[in-house]
Amino acid sequence: MTRSKPPASPSDPPPSDPTPTPMQLMDQLAQAAALYYRNFAAVAAERDLTLMQGKMLGLLRRPMPMRSLADLLACDASNVTGIVDRLAARGLVRREADPSDRRVKRVILTEEGEETVRQIRSELMSNLTGLEGLGEEDRRSFQRLLGQVLPAVSV
């Protein structure tokens, strides 16, 4: 005869979840990234932007050489040229020579490009509200943990 456990009393600690494995954390991170980029692609598409065009606009917090953009987007420099051409034709970015090396072309957001980035980020935050629900200490911890796991990712 097996004994059944008595029901848990309100003073009993809740059962603990097993510690996730690094593989489970990696899978959860991948799912989070996929969800984020699905939302990002939809918000960008509402502005007639491709995912890559939207990503490029988001990277341009400061003037950036085309080569650096290619590295960050993990694509060939010729692809960046095409993306920049399309964004420039819409008045969202402009090219200028780097003051320290006139051979290097930097890409800069225009005022319209800055406004587009603000709109995209605002809409993303309204769609993905989980981060807003975190308190200050949780946000600091989350940022610290992301920095530990993905040290190449900068703010």
Protein backbone atom coordinates (compact mmCIF):
# COMPACT_ATOMS: atom_id res chain seq x y z
CA MET A 1 0.00 0.00 0.00
CA THR A 2 1.39 3.38 -1.00
CA ARG A 3 0.90 6.38 1.12
CA SER A 4 -0.32 9.56 -0.49
CA LYS A 5 1.30 12.83 0.42
CA PRO A 6 -0.71 15.12 2.61
CA PRO A 7 -1.94 18.23 0.81
CA ALA A 8 0.44 21.16 0.87
CA SER A 9 -0.26 23.73 3.53
CA PRO A 10 -0.06 27.46 2.78
CA SER A 11 3.14 27.67 4.83
CA ASP A 12 4.94 25.01 2.74
CA PRO A 13 7.46 26.43 0.25
CA PRO A 14 6.39 26.05 -3.40
CA PRO A 15 7.96 23.12 -5.25
CA SER A 16 11.07 24.25 -7.05
CA ASP A 17 11.46 23.93 -10.78
CA PRO A 18 14.45 21.96 -11.95
CA THR A 19 17.40 24.11 -12.96
CA PRO A 20 17.32 24.63 -16.74
CA THR A 21 20.24 23.25 -18.69
CA PRO A 22 22.40 25.57 -20.81
CA MET A 23 20.78 23.97 -23.90
CA GLN A 24 17.30 24.78 -22.60
CA LEU A 25 18.36 28.38 -21.94
CA MET A 26 19.85 28.62 -25.43
CA ASP A 27 16.59 27.30 -26.93
CA GLN A 28 14.56 29.80 -24.91
CA LEU A 29 16.84 32.63 -25.99
CA ALA A 30 16.46 31.54 -29.64
CA GLN A 31 12.66 31.47 -29.27
CA ALA A 32 12.71 34.94 -27.70
CA ALA A 33 14.89 36.27 -30.53
CA ALA A 34 12.61 34.69 -33.15
CA LEU A 35 9.53 36.26 -31.53
CA TYR A 36 11.24 39.64 -31.34
CA TYR A 37 12.26 39.55 -35.02
CA ARG A 38 8.80 38.38 -36.15
CA ASN A 39 7.36 41.43 -34.38
CA PHE A 40 10.15 43.65 -35.69
CA ALA A 41 9.59 42.46 -39.27
CA ALA A 42 5.85 43.14 -39.01
CA VAL A 43 6.38 46.65 -37.59
CA ALA A 44 9.01 47.42 -40.26
CA ALA A 45 6.72 46.10 -43.02
CA GLU A 46 4.01 48.55 -41.91
CA ARG A 47 6.50 51.24 -42.96
CA ASP A 48 7.37 49.48 -46.23
CA LEU A 49 10.74 48.39 -44.86
CA THR A 50 12.31 44.96 -45.05
CA LEU A 51 13.65 43.34 -41.91
CA MET A 52 17.23 44.15 -42.97
CA GLN A 53 16.37 47.78 -43.73
CA GLY A 54 14.74 48.10 -40.31
CA LYS A 55 17.71 46.44 -38.62
CA MET A 56 20.11 48.81 -40.35
CA LEU A 57 18.13 51.86 -39.26
CA GLY A 58 18.18 50.55 -35.69
CA LEU A 59 21.96 50.13 -35.76
CA LEU A 60 22.61 53.72 -36.81
CA ARG A 61 22.70 55.32 -33.35
CA ARG A 62 25.77 57.14 -34.60
CA PRO A 63 27.35 57.55 -38.07
CA MET A 64 28.77 54.22 -39.13
CA PRO A 65 31.08 53.07 -41.93
CA MET A 66 29.46 50.80 -44.50
CA ARG A 67 31.99 48.04 -43.68
CA SER A 68 30.95 48.12 -40.00
CA LEU A 69 27.30 47.83 -41.01
CA ALA A 70 28.11 44.81 -43.16
CA ASP A 71 29.88 43.17 -40.22
CA LEU A 72 27.02 43.89 -37.79
CA LEU A 73 24.39 42.65 -40.24
CA ALA A 74 26.54 39.61 -41.12
CA CYS A 75 26.19 40.25 -44.84
CA ASP A 76 28.31 41.14 -47.82
CA ALA A 77 29.26 44.79 -48.34
CA SER A 78 27.49 44.76 -51.72
CA ASN A 79 24.22 43.91 -49.92
CA VAL A 80 24.74 46.86 -47.58
CA THR A 81 25.24 49.14 -50.59
CA GLY A 82 21.85 48.07 -51.96
CA ILE A 83 20.11 48.51 -48.60
CA VAL A 84 21.67 51.95 -48.11
CA ASP A 85 20.71 52.94 -51.69
CA ARG A 86 17.04 52.07 -51.03
CA LEU A 87 17.00 53.82 -47.63
CA ALA A 88 18.72 56.91 -49.07
CA ALA A 89 16.19 57.06 -51.92
CA ARG A 90 13.46 57.26 -49.26
CA GLY A 91 15.29 60.01 -47.37
CA LEU A 92 15.92 57.87 -44.26
CA VAL A 93 19.74 57.85 -44.42
CA ARG A 94 22.51 59.72 -46.18
CA ARG A 95 26.14 58.96 -46.97
CA GLU A 96 29.05 61.18 -46.15
CA ALA A 97 32.82 60.87 -46.28
CA ASP A 98 34.49 60.01 -42.97
CA PRO A 99 36.32 63.12 -41.74
CA SER A 100 39.39 61.09 -40.77
CA ASP A 101 39.54 59.08 -44.04
CA ARG A 102 37.75 60.54 -47.05
CA ARG A 103 37.84 57.14 -48.80
CA VAL A 104 35.49 55.67 -46.16
CA LYS A 105 31.77 56.33 -46.54
CA ARG A 106 29.70 56.63 -43.38
CA VAL A 107 25.94 56.16 -43.22
CA ILE A 108 23.93 58.61 -41.12
CA LEU A 109 20.27 58.69 -40.16
CA THR A 110 18.35 61.69 -41.42
CA GLU A 111 15.71 63.35 -39.22
CA GLU A 112 13.08 61.28 -41.02
CA GLY A 113 15.14 58.15 -40.38
CA GLU A 114 15.44 59.02 -36.68
CA GLU A 115 11.67 59.48 -36.48
CA THR A 116 11.11 56.13 -38.22
CA VAL A 117 13.39 54.40 -35.69
CA ARG A 118 11.49 56.08 -32.80
CA GLN A 119 8.17 54.88 -34.24
CA ILE A 120 9.42 51.32 -34.73
CA ARG A 121 10.85 51.11 -31.20
CA SER A 122 7.69 52.60 -29.70
CA GLU A 123 5.46 50.12 -31.48
CA LEU A 124 7.74 47.22 -30.55
CA MET A 125 7.52 48.22 -26.90
CA SER A 126 3.73 48.36 -27.11
CA ASN A 127 3.66 44.86 -28.64
CA LEU A 128 6.24 43.28 -26.32
CA THR A 129 5.32 44.59 -22.88
CA GLY A 130 7.22 42.06 -20.74
CA LEU A 131 10.26 44.30 -20.34
CA GLU A 132 8.09 47.17 -19.08
CA GLY A 133 6.87 44.90 -16.29
CA LEU A 134 10.36 44.43 -14.89
CA GLY A 135 11.42 46.58 -11.97
CA GLU A 136 14.68 48.53 -12.01
CA GLU A 137 16.67 45.84 -10.20
CA ASP A 138 15.35 43.09 -12.50
CA ARG A 139 16.27 45.17 -15.57
CA ARG A 140 19.79 45.69 -14.22
CA SER A 141 20.11 41.96 -13.49
CA PHE A 142 18.76 41.07 -16.93
CA GLN A 143 21.23 43.43 -18.62
CA ARG A 144 24.10 42.04 -16.54
CA LEU A 145 23.15 38.44 -17.37
CA LEU A 146 22.82 39.21 -21.08
CA GLY A 147 26.28 40.83 -20.94
CA GLN A 148 27.69 37.68 -19.32
CA VAL A 149 26.06 35.32 -21.81
CA LEU A 150 26.57 37.48 -24.90
CA PRO A 151 29.61 39.70 -24.12
CA ALA A 152 29.89 40.90 -27.73
CA VAL A 153 26.46 42.54 -27.50
CA SER A 154 26.78 46.18 -26.52
CA VAL A 155 24.16 48.65 -25.41
